[in-house]
Amino acid sequence: MFLRLLFVLLSALNIAVGAWLLLGQPYARGGNPTDSGVTELRLLSELPVAAGTTGMPAAGSSVAGASPAISYSCLALGPFSTPQDLRNARQALTAQVTRMRSRQEQTSLTSGWWVYLPAAASRAQALEQARQLGAHNLNDYFVVSSGDQPNTISLGVFKDPANARNRRDQVVAAGFPARMSERSESVPEYWLDLVVPDGSRFDWRSRISASGIGSHSTGCF
């Protein structure tokens, strides 16, 4: 009787263990946990890493398949004589360049050549020199009485340096220490700086009508 009861208990225990192994662990049965025809979802960490890669690309690095970098040239056009000439150039070139900027500079411009006698020690001496000039038939002079060179005798201002030299030599030949110097004034000039893509066949000369305009390389901005 005891042996029969022990046999029944062992049989029941085996059945219970078998049921637990069969029903309590669903993934042990094998098969696909997804429905037929549906792509299996996988975590990124489960995907295989391709040889030679280390994950995300570093910041600032080139991306495969991206277009090559574009290079640029920078040049300055000018000088333009008036602000209107500068504005006309900007309008004519806007569609042809990447960036542009205008700037104004001061330049020294020759206004003529001055022939003169150096300043005398006094007003009386300057007037005496003027009288002697007249005695040698050297006219067209002026005694400077004010400004930064008083008692200087002006013998004329000439646009052509050759004419100024002739006047100086004439007075020197008469025995007077005539001198010649260039006179200049500060005037504004206007420039246009451009940034142009290389290889764009940029031709500014065909679009600008102002005369006396040239170009040279400049720093990019």
N, C-alpha and C. Protein backbone atom coordinates (compact mmCIF):
# COMPACT_ATOMS: atom_id res chain seq x y z
N MET A 1 0.83 -1.21 0.00
CA MET A 1 0.00 0.00 0.00
C MET A 1 0.86 1.25 0.00
N PHE A 2 1.90 1.23 0.83
CA PHE A 2 2.81 2.38 0.88
C PHE A 2 3.55 2.57 -0.43
N LEU A 3 3.96 1.50 -1.03
CA LEU A 3 4.70 1.60 -2.30
C LEU A 3 3.81 2.15 -3.39
N ARG A 4 2.54 1.73 -3.39
CA ARG A 4 1.63 2.24 -4.44
C ARG A 4 1.42 3.74 -4.26
N LEU A 5 1.29 4.19 -2.99
CA LEU A 5 1.12 5.63 -2.75
C LEU A 5 2.35 6.42 -3.16
N LEU A 6 3.53 5.86 -2.89
CA LEU A 6 4.78 6.54 -3.29
C LEU A 6 4.88 6.64 -4.80
N PHE A 7 4.48 5.60 -5.50
CA PHE A 7 4.51 5.61 -6.97
C PHE A 7 3.60 6.70 -7.53
N VAL A 8 2.41 6.85 -6.94
CA VAL A 8 1.45 7.86 -7.40
C VAL A 8 2.01 9.26 -7.19
N LEU A 9 2.64 9.47 -6.01
CA LEU A 9 3.22 10.78 -5.71
C LEU A 9 4.36 11.14 -6.67
N LEU A 10 5.23 10.17 -6.97
CA LEU A 10 6.34 10.43 -7.89
C LEU A 10 5.82 10.71 -9.29
N SER A 11 4.78 9.98 -9.70
CA SER A 11 4.20 10.21 -11.02
C SER A 11 3.62 11.61 -11.11
N ALA A 12 2.90 12.04 -10.04
CA ALA A 12 2.31 13.38 -10.03
C ALA A 12 3.40 14.47 -10.08
N LEU A 13 4.48 14.20 -9.34
CA LEU A 13 5.59 15.17 -9.32
C LEU A 13 6.24 15.30 -10.71
N ASN A 14 6.41 14.19 -11.39
CA ASN A 14 7.00 14.22 -12.74
C ASN A 14 6.10 14.99 -13.71
N ILE A 15 4.78 14.77 -13.56
CA ILE A 15 3.85 15.47 -14.44
C ILE A 15 3.92 16.98 -14.19
N ALA A 16 3.98 17.36 -12.92
CA ALA A 16 4.04 18.79 -12.57
C ALA A 16 5.32 19.45 -13.10
N VAL A 17 6.45 18.76 -12.95
CA VAL A 17 7.74 19.33 -13.45
C VAL A 17 7.70 19.45 -14.96
N GLY A 18 7.15 18.46 -15.62
CA GLY A 18 7.07 18.52 -17.09
C GLY A 18 6.19 19.65 -17.56
N ALA A 19 5.06 19.86 -16.85
CA ALA A 19 4.15 20.94 -17.24
C ALA A 19 4.82 22.30 -17.04
N TRP A 20 5.58 22.42 -15.94
CA TRP A 20 6.26 23.72 -15.68
C TRP A 20 7.31 24.00 -16.74
N LEU A 21 8.07 22.96 -17.12
CA LEU A 21 9.09 23.15 -18.15
C LEU A 21 8.47 23.50 -19.50
N LEU A 22 7.28 22.91 -19.74
CA LEU A 22 6.64 23.12 -21.05
C LEU A 22 5.88 24.43 -21.11
N LEU A 23 5.20 24.79 -20.04
CA LEU A 23 4.31 25.96 -20.05
C LEU A 23 4.90 27.17 -19.33
N GLY A 24 5.75 27.02 -18.38
CA GLY A 24 6.27 28.14 -17.58
C GLY A 24 7.39 28.90 -18.24
N GLN A 25 8.06 28.42 -19.33
CA GLN A 25 9.15 29.10 -20.04
C GLN A 25 8.80 29.15 -21.52
N PRO A 26 8.07 30.26 -21.97
CA PRO A 26 7.57 30.29 -23.35
C PRO A 26 8.68 30.37 -24.38
N TYR A 27 9.84 30.96 -24.06
CA TYR A 27 10.90 31.11 -25.08
C TYR A 27 11.70 29.85 -25.24
N ALA A 28 11.47 28.90 -24.31
CA ALA A 28 12.20 27.63 -24.45
C ALA A 28 11.61 26.76 -25.51
N ARG A 29 10.41 27.11 -25.98
CA ARG A 29 9.77 26.29 -26.99
C ARG A 29 10.33 26.51 -28.37
N GLY A 30 11.11 27.63 -28.54
CA GLY A 30 11.63 27.93 -29.88
C GLY A 30 10.58 28.63 -30.69
N GLY A 31 10.85 28.87 -31.96
CA GLY A 31 9.91 29.55 -32.83
C GLY A 31 10.15 31.06 -32.79
N ASN A 32 9.46 31.83 -33.59
CA ASN A 32 9.62 33.28 -33.75
C ASN A 32 8.58 33.99 -32.90
N PRO A 33 8.98 34.95 -32.00
CA PRO A 33 8.00 35.64 -31.14
C PRO A 33 7.18 36.65 -31.89
N THR A 34 7.49 36.97 -33.14
CA THR A 34 6.73 37.95 -33.91
C THR A 34 5.81 37.25 -34.88
N ASP A 35 4.81 38.02 -35.38
CA ASP A 35 3.91 37.47 -36.36
C ASP A 35 4.60 37.29 -37.69
N SER A 36 4.08 36.44 -38.50
CA SER A 36 4.65 36.17 -39.83
C SER A 36 4.56 37.42 -40.70
N GLY A 37 5.68 37.76 -41.37
CA GLY A 37 5.70 38.90 -42.29
C GLY A 37 6.04 40.22 -41.64
N VAL A 38 6.22 40.26 -40.30
CA VAL A 38 6.53 41.50 -39.60
C VAL A 38 8.02 41.52 -39.29
N THR A 39 8.70 42.64 -39.64
CA THR A 39 10.14 42.74 -39.41
C THR A 39 10.43 42.72 -37.92
N GLU A 40 11.42 41.99 -37.56
CA GLU A 40 11.77 41.87 -36.15
C GLU A 40 12.43 43.15 -35.67
N LEU A 41 12.00 43.66 -34.49
CA LEU A 41 12.60 44.83 -33.88
C LEU A 41 13.84 44.43 -33.12
N ARG A 42 14.93 45.25 -33.33
CA ARG A 42 16.18 44.94 -32.64
C ARG A 42 16.74 46.22 -32.05
N LEU A 43 17.33 46.14 -30.89
CA LEU A 43 17.98 47.28 -30.27
C LEU A 43 19.24 47.65 -31.04
N LEU A 44 19.59 49.00 -31.00
CA LEU A 44 20.80 49.44 -31.69
C LEU A 44 22.03 48.74 -31.15
N SER A 45 22.01 48.48 -29.86
CA SER A 45 23.16 47.82 -29.24
C SER A 45 23.33 46.39 -29.70
N GLU A 46 22.24 45.81 -30.28
CA GLU A 46 22.30 44.43 -30.77
C GLU A 46 22.79 44.34 -32.21
N LEU A 47 22.85 45.52 -32.93
CA LEU A 47 23.28 45.50 -34.32
C LEU A 47 24.77 45.29 -34.41
N PRO A 48 25.23 44.58 -35.41
CA PRO A 48 26.68 44.35 -35.56
C PRO A 48 27.37 45.64 -36.00
N VAL A 49 28.58 45.91 -35.50
CA VAL A 49 29.38 47.09 -35.87
C VAL A 49 30.27 46.74 -37.04
N ALA A 50 30.17 47.63 -38.11
CA ALA A 50 30.98 47.37 -39.30
C ALA A 50 32.45 47.56 -38.98
N ALA A 51 33.29 46.82 -39.67
CA ALA A 51 34.73 46.90 -39.45
C ALA A 51 35.24 48.29 -39.76
N GLY A 52 36.12 48.83 -38.91
CA GLY A 52 36.73 50.14 -39.16
C GLY A 52 35.92 51.30 -38.67
N THR A 53 34.73 51.07 -38.04
CA THR A 53 33.91 52.16 -37.54
C THR A 53 33.95 52.16 -36.04
N THR A 54 33.74 53.36 -35.46
CA THR A 54 33.79 53.49 -34.01
C THR A 54 32.56 54.18 -33.49
N GLY A 55 31.44 54.09 -34.20
CA GLY A 55 30.22 54.71 -33.73
C GLY A 55 29.94 56.01 -34.45
N MET A 56 29.48 57.08 -33.73
CA MET A 56 29.09 58.34 -34.33
C MET A 56 30.31 59.08 -34.84
N PRO A 57 30.20 59.85 -36.03
CA PRO A 57 31.33 60.61 -36.52
C PRO A 57 31.63 61.78 -35.61
N ALA A 58 32.91 62.16 -35.53
CA ALA A 58 33.32 63.28 -34.69
C ALA A 58 32.77 64.58 -35.24
N ALA A 59 32.53 65.53 -34.34
CA ALA A 59 32.00 66.83 -34.76
C ALA A 59 32.99 67.52 -35.68
N GLY A 60 32.49 68.11 -36.79
CA GLY A 60 33.34 68.82 -37.73
C GLY A 60 33.96 67.95 -38.79
N SER A 61 33.79 66.64 -38.72
CA SER A 61 34.39 65.77 -39.73
C SER A 61 33.52 65.75 -40.96
N SER A 62 34.11 65.37 -42.08
CA SER A 62 33.37 65.31 -43.34
C SER A 62 32.46 64.11 -43.36
N VAL A 63 31.33 64.25 -44.00
CA VAL A 63 30.37 63.16 -44.14
C VAL A 63 30.55 62.55 -45.52
N ALA A 64 30.57 61.20 -45.56
CA ALA A 64 30.75 60.52 -46.83
C ALA A 64 29.66 60.92 -47.80
N GLY A 65 30.05 61.24 -49.04
CA GLY A 65 29.08 61.60 -50.06
C GLY A 65 28.77 63.07 -50.11
N ALA A 66 29.31 63.91 -49.14
CA ALA A 66 29.02 65.34 -49.16
C ALA A 66 29.80 66.02 -50.27
N SER A 67 29.32 67.20 -50.71
CA SER A 67 29.98 67.94 -51.78
C SER A 67 31.31 68.46 -51.27
N PRO A 68 32.33 68.58 -52.16
CA PRO A 68 33.64 69.12 -51.72
C PRO A 68 33.52 70.58 -51.34
N ALA A 69 34.44 71.05 -50.47
CA ALA A 69 34.42 72.44 -49.99
C ALA A 69 34.72 73.40 -51.14
N ILE A 70 34.08 74.59 -51.12
CA ILE A 70 34.26 75.61 -52.14
C ILE A 70 35.31 76.60 -51.66
N SER A 71 36.27 76.94 -52.52
CA SER A 71 37.29 77.93 -52.18
C SER A 71 36.92 79.28 -52.79
N TYR A 72 37.45 80.35 -52.19
CA TYR A 72 37.10 81.71 -52.59
C TYR A 72 38.35 82.55 -52.80
N SER A 73 38.18 83.61 -53.60
CA SER A 73 39.21 84.63 -53.78
C SER A 73 38.63 85.97 -53.35
N CYS A 74 39.49 86.82 -52.81
CA CYS A 74 39.05 88.13 -52.33
C CYS A 74 39.85 89.22 -53.03
N LEU A 75 39.16 90.22 -53.55
CA LEU A 75 39.83 91.29 -54.25
C LEU A 75 39.15 92.62 -53.97
N ALA A 76 39.92 93.69 -54.21
CA ALA A 76 39.43 95.05 -54.03
C ALA A 76 39.38 95.74 -55.38
N LEU A 77 38.27 96.43 -55.64
CA LEU A 77 38.09 97.21 -56.87
C LEU A 77 38.12 98.70 -56.51
N GLY A 78 38.81 99.50 -57.35
CA GLY A 78 38.82 100.93 -57.12
C GLY A 78 40.07 101.57 -57.69
N PRO A 79 40.32 102.83 -57.34
CA PRO A 79 39.41 103.65 -56.54
C PRO A 79 38.30 104.28 -57.38
N PHE A 80 37.11 104.37 -56.79
CA PHE A 80 36.00 105.07 -57.42
C PHE A 80 36.05 106.54 -57.00
N SER A 81 35.77 107.43 -57.93
CA SER A 81 35.90 108.86 -57.66
C SER A 81 34.76 109.41 -56.82
N THR A 82 33.56 108.86 -56.99
CA THR A 82 32.40 109.39 -56.29
C THR A 82 31.60 108.27 -55.62
N PRO A 83 30.82 108.59 -54.60
CA PRO A 83 29.95 107.57 -53.99
C PRO A 83 28.95 106.98 -54.98
N GLN A 84 28.50 107.77 -55.95
CA GLN A 84 27.56 107.25 -56.93
C GLN A 84 28.20 106.18 -57.81
N ASP A 85 29.45 106.38 -58.21
CA ASP A 85 30.16 105.35 -58.97
C ASP A 85 30.27 104.07 -58.16
N LEU A 86 30.50 104.19 -56.88
CA LEU A 86 30.59 103.02 -56.01
C LEU A 86 29.25 102.30 -55.93
N ARG A 87 28.16 103.05 -55.76
CA ARG A 87 26.83 102.43 -55.70
C ARG A 87 26.48 101.71 -57.00
N ASN A 88 26.83 102.32 -58.12
CA ASN A 88 26.56 101.68 -59.42
C ASN A 88 27.30 100.36 -59.54
N ALA A 89 28.53 100.32 -59.05
CA ALA A 89 29.31 99.08 -59.11
C ALA A 89 28.70 98.00 -58.22
N ARG A 90 28.24 98.38 -57.06
CA ARG A 90 27.60 97.41 -56.16
C ARG A 90 26.37 96.78 -56.82
N GLN A 91 25.55 97.60 -57.43
CA GLN A 91 24.35 97.09 -58.08
C GLN A 91 24.70 96.16 -59.25
N ALA A 92 25.75 96.50 -59.97
CA ALA A 92 26.11 95.70 -61.15
C ALA A 92 26.72 94.35 -60.76
N LEU A 93 27.32 94.23 -59.57
CA LEU A 93 28.07 93.03 -59.20
C LEU A 93 27.40 92.19 -58.12
N THR A 94 26.28 92.66 -57.58
CA THR A 94 25.66 91.95 -56.46
C THR A 94 25.38 90.49 -56.75
N ALA A 95 24.86 90.19 -57.93
CA ALA A 95 24.49 88.82 -58.26
C ALA A 95 25.69 87.94 -58.60
N GLN A 96 26.88 88.52 -58.73
CA GLN A 96 28.04 87.77 -59.18
C GLN A 96 28.98 87.37 -58.05
N VAL A 97 28.77 87.89 -56.84
CA VAL A 97 29.71 87.67 -55.75
C VAL A 97 29.02 87.06 -54.55
N THR A 98 29.82 86.52 -53.64
CA THR A 98 29.29 85.94 -52.40
C THR A 98 29.06 86.99 -51.33
N ARG A 99 30.03 87.89 -51.17
CA ARG A 99 29.90 88.99 -50.22
C ARG A 99 30.60 90.22 -50.80
N MET A 100 30.21 91.41 -50.29
CA MET A 100 30.89 92.63 -50.69
C MET A 100 30.76 93.65 -49.57
N ARG A 101 31.69 94.60 -49.56
CA ARG A 101 31.63 95.69 -48.59
C ARG A 101 32.27 96.94 -49.21
N SER A 102 31.79 98.10 -48.82
CA SER A 102 32.31 99.38 -49.31
C SER A 102 33.18 100.01 -48.22
N ARG A 103 34.18 100.77 -48.64
CA ARG A 103 35.00 101.51 -47.69
C ARG A 103 35.53 102.78 -48.34
N GLN A 104 35.83 103.75 -47.49
CA GLN A 104 36.36 105.04 -47.94
C GLN A 104 37.73 105.26 -47.34
N GLU A 105 38.66 105.74 -48.13
CA GLU A 105 40.00 106.06 -47.67
C GLU A 105 40.37 107.46 -48.12
N GLN A 106 41.32 108.06 -47.43
CA GLN A 106 41.85 109.37 -47.80
C GLN A 106 43.18 109.17 -48.53
N THR A 107 43.35 109.90 -49.59
CA THR A 107 44.58 109.82 -50.35
C THR A 107 45.08 111.22 -50.67
N SER A 108 46.37 111.33 -50.92
CA SER A 108 46.97 112.62 -51.24
C SER A 108 47.02 112.77 -52.75
N LEU A 109 46.50 113.89 -53.23
CA LEU A 109 46.42 114.14 -54.67
C LEU A 109 47.21 115.41 -55.00
N THR A 110 48.08 115.32 -56.01
CA THR A 110 48.86 116.48 -56.42
C THR A 110 47.96 117.53 -57.04
N SER A 111 48.03 118.74 -56.50
CA SER A 111 47.22 119.84 -57.02
C SER A 111 48.02 120.82 -57.88
N GLY A 112 49.33 120.71 -57.88
CA GLY A 112 50.15 121.60 -58.70
C GLY A 112 51.58 121.66 -58.18
N TRP A 113 52.37 122.50 -58.86
CA TRP A 113 53.78 122.68 -58.50
C TRP A 113 54.01 124.16 -58.25
N TRP A 114 54.57 124.45 -57.08
CA TRP A 114 54.73 125.84 -56.64
C TRP A 114 56.18 126.27 -56.78
N VAL A 115 56.39 127.43 -57.41
CA VAL A 115 57.72 128.04 -57.52
C VAL A 115 57.72 129.27 -56.63
N TYR A 116 58.77 129.44 -55.80
CA TYR A 116 58.75 130.52 -54.82
C TYR A 116 60.18 130.88 -54.38
N LEU A 117 60.31 132.02 -53.74
CA LEU A 117 61.52 132.42 -53.04
C LEU A 117 61.32 132.18 -51.55
N PRO A 118 62.26 131.56 -50.86
CA PRO A 118 62.10 131.28 -49.42
C PRO A 118 61.79 132.57 -48.65
N ALA A 119 61.15 132.38 -47.50
CA ALA A 119 60.71 133.51 -46.69
C ALA A 119 61.90 134.37 -46.26
N ALA A 120 61.75 135.67 -46.39
CA ALA A 120 62.76 136.62 -45.92
C ALA A 120 62.63 136.80 -44.42
N ALA A 121 63.64 137.40 -43.81
CA ALA A 121 63.63 137.57 -42.36
C ALA A 121 62.59 138.58 -41.90
N SER A 122 62.18 139.49 -42.77
CA SER A 122 61.19 140.49 -42.38
C SER A 122 60.35 140.87 -43.59
N ARG A 123 59.29 141.58 -43.30
CA ARG A 123 58.41 142.07 -44.38
C ARG A 123 59.16 143.04 -45.29
N ALA A 124 60.01 143.86 -44.71
CA ALA A 124 60.76 144.83 -45.49
C ALA A 124 61.72 144.14 -46.46
N GLN A 125 62.39 143.09 -46.00
CA GLN A 125 63.31 142.36 -46.87
C GLN A 125 62.55 141.66 -48.00
N ALA A 126 61.36 141.16 -47.70
CA ALA A 126 60.57 140.51 -48.74
C ALA A 126 60.16 141.51 -49.81
N LEU A 127 59.79 142.70 -49.40
CA LEU A 127 59.41 143.72 -50.37
C LEU A 127 60.60 144.17 -51.20
N GLU A 128 61.79 144.20 -50.61
CA GLU A 128 62.99 144.56 -51.36
C GLU A 128 63.31 143.50 -52.41
N GLN A 129 63.15 142.21 -52.05
CA GLN A 129 63.35 141.14 -53.03
C GLN A 129 62.36 141.28 -54.19
N ALA A 130 61.13 141.62 -53.88
CA ALA A 130 60.13 141.79 -54.92
C ALA A 130 60.51 142.94 -55.86
N ARG A 131 61.05 144.04 -55.29
CA ARG A 131 61.47 145.16 -56.14
C ARG A 131 62.61 144.74 -57.07
N GLN A 132 63.54 143.93 -56.58
CA GLN A 132 64.65 143.46 -57.40
C GLN A 132 64.16 142.53 -58.51
N LEU A 133 63.15 141.71 -58.22
CA LEU A 133 62.57 140.86 -59.27
C LEU A 133 62.04 141.71 -60.42
N GLY A 134 61.31 142.77 -60.05
CA GLY A 134 60.77 143.65 -61.07
C GLY A 134 61.86 144.31 -61.88
N ALA A 135 62.98 144.64 -61.23
CA ALA A 135 64.10 145.27 -61.95
C ALA A 135 64.71 144.32 -62.98
N HIS A 136 64.56 143.01 -62.77
CA HIS A 136 65.06 142.01 -63.73
C HIS A 136 63.95 141.55 -64.68
N ASN A 137 62.90 142.33 -64.77
CA ASN A 137 61.77 141.99 -65.65
C ASN A 137 61.14 140.64 -65.32
N LEU A 138 61.20 140.29 -64.04
CA LEU A 138 60.53 139.07 -63.58
C LEU A 138 59.24 139.48 -62.88
N ASN A 139 58.16 139.37 -63.58
CA ASN A 139 56.86 139.78 -63.06
C ASN A 139 56.06 138.56 -62.58
N ASP A 140 54.78 138.76 -62.33
CA ASP A 140 53.89 137.69 -61.88
C ASP A 140 54.41 137.04 -60.59
N TYR A 141 54.57 137.83 -59.57
CA TYR A 141 54.96 137.34 -58.26
C TYR A 141 54.01 137.92 -57.21
N PHE A 142 54.05 137.33 -56.03
CA PHE A 142 53.15 137.78 -54.97
C PHE A 142 53.86 137.61 -53.64
N VAL A 143 53.88 138.63 -52.81
CA VAL A 143 54.49 138.57 -51.48
C VAL A 143 53.46 138.05 -50.48
N VAL A 144 53.74 136.92 -49.89
CA VAL A 144 52.82 136.31 -48.94
C VAL A 144 52.91 137.05 -47.62
N SER A 145 51.78 137.50 -47.10
CA SER A 145 51.76 138.28 -45.87
C SER A 145 51.15 137.55 -44.68
N SER A 146 50.54 136.42 -44.92
CA SER A 146 49.89 135.69 -43.82
C SER A 146 50.01 134.18 -44.06
N GLY A 147 49.43 133.42 -43.17
CA GLY A 147 49.49 131.97 -43.28
C GLY A 147 50.73 131.41 -42.61
N ASP A 148 51.09 130.17 -42.98
CA ASP A 148 52.23 129.52 -42.32
C ASP A 148 53.56 129.85 -42.98
N GLN A 149 53.58 130.64 -44.07
CA GLN A 149 54.83 131.01 -44.72
C GLN A 149 54.85 132.51 -45.06
N PRO A 150 54.74 133.37 -44.07
CA PRO A 150 54.76 134.81 -44.35
C PRO A 150 56.12 135.25 -44.87
N ASN A 151 56.12 136.31 -45.68
CA ASN A 151 57.31 136.90 -46.28
C ASN A 151 57.94 136.01 -47.35
N THR A 152 57.20 134.96 -47.77
CA THR A 152 57.62 134.17 -48.93
C THR A 152 57.12 134.88 -50.19
N ILE A 153 57.91 134.79 -51.26
CA ILE A 153 57.49 135.39 -52.52
C ILE A 153 57.06 134.28 -53.47
N SER A 154 55.78 134.22 -53.79
CA SER A 154 55.25 133.20 -54.70
C SER A 154 55.49 133.63 -56.14
N LEU A 155 56.04 132.72 -56.91
CA LEU A 155 56.35 132.98 -58.32
C LEU A 155 55.40 132.23 -59.26
N GLY A 156 54.40 131.57 -58.72
CA GLY A 156 53.41 130.91 -59.55
C GLY A 156 53.18 129.45 -59.17
N VAL A 157 51.97 128.96 -59.43
CA VAL A 157 51.60 127.55 -59.24
C VAL A 157 51.25 126.98 -60.60
N PHE A 158 51.84 125.83 -60.95
CA PHE A 158 51.70 125.26 -62.28
C PHE A 158 51.18 123.82 -62.19
N LYS A 159 50.27 123.49 -63.11
CA LYS A 159 49.77 122.12 -63.20
C LYS A 159 50.81 121.20 -63.80
N ASP A 160 51.55 121.71 -64.78
CA ASP A 160 52.56 120.91 -65.47
C ASP A 160 53.91 121.12 -64.79
N PRO A 161 54.53 120.07 -64.29
CA PRO A 161 55.84 120.24 -63.64
C PRO A 161 56.91 120.79 -64.57
N ALA A 162 56.79 120.55 -65.88
CA ALA A 162 57.77 121.09 -66.81
C ALA A 162 57.71 122.61 -66.84
N ASN A 163 56.51 123.19 -66.81
CA ASN A 163 56.37 124.64 -66.78
C ASN A 163 56.91 125.22 -65.47
N ALA A 164 56.70 124.47 -64.38
CA ALA A 164 57.24 124.93 -63.10
C ALA A 164 58.76 124.94 -63.12
N ARG A 165 59.38 123.96 -63.72
CA ARG A 165 60.83 123.92 -63.79
C ARG A 165 61.37 125.08 -64.64
N ASN A 166 60.70 125.37 -65.73
CA ASN A 166 61.13 126.49 -66.58
C ASN A 166 61.09 127.81 -65.82
N ARG A 167 60.03 128.03 -65.03
CA ARG A 167 59.91 129.26 -64.25
C ARG A 167 61.00 129.33 -63.18
N ARG A 168 61.24 128.24 -62.50
CA ARG A 168 62.30 128.21 -61.48
C ARG A 168 63.66 128.52 -62.11
N ASP A 169 63.98 127.86 -63.22
CA ASP A 169 65.29 128.05 -63.87
C ASP A 169 65.46 129.50 -64.34
N GLN A 170 64.37 130.12 -64.80
CA GLN A 170 64.44 131.51 -65.25
C GLN A 170 64.81 132.44 -64.10
N VAL A 171 64.21 132.22 -62.94
CA VAL A 171 64.47 133.08 -61.78
C VAL A 171 65.87 132.81 -61.22
N VAL A 172 66.28 131.56 -61.19
CA VAL A 172 67.62 131.21 -60.71
C VAL A 172 68.68 131.85 -61.60
N ALA A 173 68.44 131.83 -62.92
CA ALA A 173 69.40 132.43 -63.85
C ALA A 173 69.56 133.93 -63.61
N ALA A 174 68.55 134.57 -63.04
CA ALA A 174 68.62 136.00 -62.74
C ALA A 174 69.28 136.27 -61.39
N GLY A 175 69.66 135.21 -60.69
CA GLY A 175 70.39 135.38 -59.43
C GLY A 175 69.57 135.24 -58.18
N PHE A 176 68.40 134.68 -58.26
CA PHE A 176 67.53 134.53 -57.08
C PHE A 176 67.41 133.03 -56.72
N PRO A 177 67.36 132.73 -55.41
CA PRO A 177 67.32 131.32 -54.97
C PRO A 177 65.91 130.70 -55.09
N ALA A 178 65.41 130.63 -56.28
CA ALA A 178 64.05 130.09 -56.47
C ALA A 178 64.02 128.59 -56.18
N ARG A 179 62.88 128.15 -55.64
CA ARG A 179 62.68 126.73 -55.35
C ARG A 179 61.36 126.26 -55.93
N MET A 180 61.23 124.95 -55.99
CA MET A 180 60.03 124.34 -56.57
C MET A 180 59.58 123.20 -55.65
N SER A 181 58.29 123.12 -55.36
CA SER A 181 57.78 122.05 -54.51
C SER A 181 56.40 121.59 -54.99
N GLU A 182 56.13 120.36 -54.72
CA GLU A 182 54.82 119.78 -55.10
C GLU A 182 53.77 120.17 -54.06
N ARG A 183 52.61 120.57 -54.54
CA ARG A 183 51.50 120.89 -53.64
C ARG A 183 50.46 119.78 -53.76
N SER A 184 49.94 119.34 -52.64
CA SER A 184 48.97 118.24 -52.64
C SER A 184 47.83 118.54 -51.68
N GLU A 185 46.76 117.80 -51.85
CA GLU A 185 45.60 117.92 -50.98
C GLU A 185 45.04 116.54 -50.70
N SER A 186 44.39 116.41 -49.56
CA SER A 186 43.80 115.13 -49.17
C SER A 186 42.39 115.04 -49.74
N VAL A 187 42.13 113.96 -50.47
CA VAL A 187 40.81 113.76 -51.08
C VAL A 187 40.33 112.35 -50.77
N PRO A 188 39.02 112.12 -50.72
CA PRO A 188 38.50 110.77 -50.46
C PRO A 188 38.50 109.93 -51.74
N GLU A 189 38.69 108.64 -51.55
CA GLU A 189 38.51 107.69 -52.64
C GLU A 189 37.75 106.49 -52.10
N TYR A 190 37.04 105.79 -52.98
CA TYR A 190 36.10 104.75 -52.56
C TYR A 190 36.49 103.41 -53.17
N TRP A 191 36.37 102.35 -52.34
CA TRP A 191 36.77 101.00 -52.74
C TRP A 191 35.63 100.02 -52.49
N LEU A 192 35.63 98.94 -53.28
CA LEU A 192 34.65 97.88 -53.13
C LEU A 192 35.40 96.56 -52.98
N ASP A 193 35.26 95.92 -51.81
CA ASP A 193 35.89 94.63 -51.54
C ASP A 193 34.91 93.51 -51.85
N LEU A 194 35.40 92.45 -52.52
CA LEU A 194 34.54 91.37 -52.98
C LEU A 194 35.08 90.00 -52.56
N VAL A 195 34.16 89.07 -52.31
CA VAL A 195 34.49 87.66 -52.10
C VAL A 195 33.84 86.88 -53.24
N VAL A 196 34.66 86.18 -54.04
CA VAL A 196 34.18 85.53 -55.26
C VAL A 196 34.55 84.05 -55.23
N PRO A 197 33.61 83.13 -55.54
CA PRO A 197 33.95 81.71 -55.60
C PRO A 197 34.96 81.45 -56.72
N ASP A 198 35.96 80.64 -56.43
CA ASP A 198 36.93 80.28 -57.46
C ASP A 198 36.25 79.48 -58.56
N GLY A 199 36.70 79.73 -59.79
CA GLY A 199 36.15 79.00 -60.92
C GLY A 199 34.84 79.55 -61.43
N SER A 200 34.42 80.73 -60.95
CA SER A 200 33.13 81.29 -61.37
C SER A 200 33.23 82.17 -62.62
N ARG A 201 34.45 82.32 -63.15
CA ARG A 201 34.67 83.15 -64.35
C ARG A 201 34.15 84.58 -64.13
N PHE A 202 34.49 85.13 -62.99
CA PHE A 202 34.04 86.46 -62.61
C PHE A 202 34.75 87.52 -63.47
N ASP A 203 33.97 88.36 -64.15
CA ASP A 203 34.51 89.41 -65.03
C ASP A 203 33.87 90.74 -64.67
N TRP A 204 34.52 91.48 -63.77
CA TRP A 204 33.94 92.75 -63.33
C TRP A 204 34.09 93.84 -64.38
N ARG A 205 35.09 93.76 -65.26
CA ARG A 205 35.35 94.82 -66.24
C ARG A 205 34.19 95.02 -67.21
N SER A 206 33.50 93.96 -67.53
CA SER A 206 32.39 94.07 -68.47
C SER A 206 31.14 94.66 -67.84
N ARG A 207 31.14 94.87 -66.51
CA ARG A 207 29.95 95.33 -65.81
C ARG A 207 30.11 96.71 -65.18
N ILE A 208 31.34 97.24 -65.15
CA ILE A 208 31.58 98.53 -64.52
C ILE A 208 31.97 99.55 -65.58
N SER A 209 31.27 100.67 -65.61
CA SER A 209 31.51 101.69 -66.63
C SER A 209 32.45 102.79 -66.17
N ALA A 210 32.70 102.91 -64.87
CA ALA A 210 33.57 103.97 -64.36
C ALA A 210 34.99 103.77 -64.88
N SER A 211 35.66 104.87 -65.18
CA SER A 211 37.02 104.81 -65.73
C SER A 211 38.06 104.81 -64.62
N GLY A 212 39.25 104.33 -64.94
CA GLY A 212 40.35 104.34 -63.99
C GLY A 212 40.25 103.34 -62.87
N ILE A 213 39.44 102.28 -63.03
CA ILE A 213 39.24 101.30 -61.97
C ILE A 213 40.19 100.12 -62.19
N GLY A 214 40.84 99.70 -61.12
CA GLY A 214 41.70 98.53 -61.16
C GLY A 214 41.33 97.55 -60.06
N SER A 215 42.08 96.48 -59.94
CA SER A 215 41.80 95.48 -58.91
C SER A 215 43.11 94.92 -58.36
N HIS A 216 43.05 94.47 -57.12
CA HIS A 216 44.18 93.77 -56.51
C HIS A 216 43.65 92.86 -55.41
N SER A 217 44.46 91.87 -55.06
CA SER A 217 44.06 90.92 -54.01
C SER A 217 44.01 91.64 -52.67
N THR A 218 43.11 91.16 -51.82
CA THR A 218 42.98 91.76 -50.48
C THR A 218 42.62 90.67 -49.50
N GLY A 219 42.66 90.98 -48.21
CA GLY A 219 42.29 90.02 -47.21
C GLY A 219 40.81 89.70 -47.22
N CYS A 220 40.48 88.45 -46.97
CA CYS A 220 39.06 88.05 -46.97
C CYS A 220 38.38 88.53 -45.68
N PHE A 221 37.10 88.64 -45.71
CA PHE A 221 36.33 89.14 -44.58
C PHE A 221 35.04 88.34 -44.42
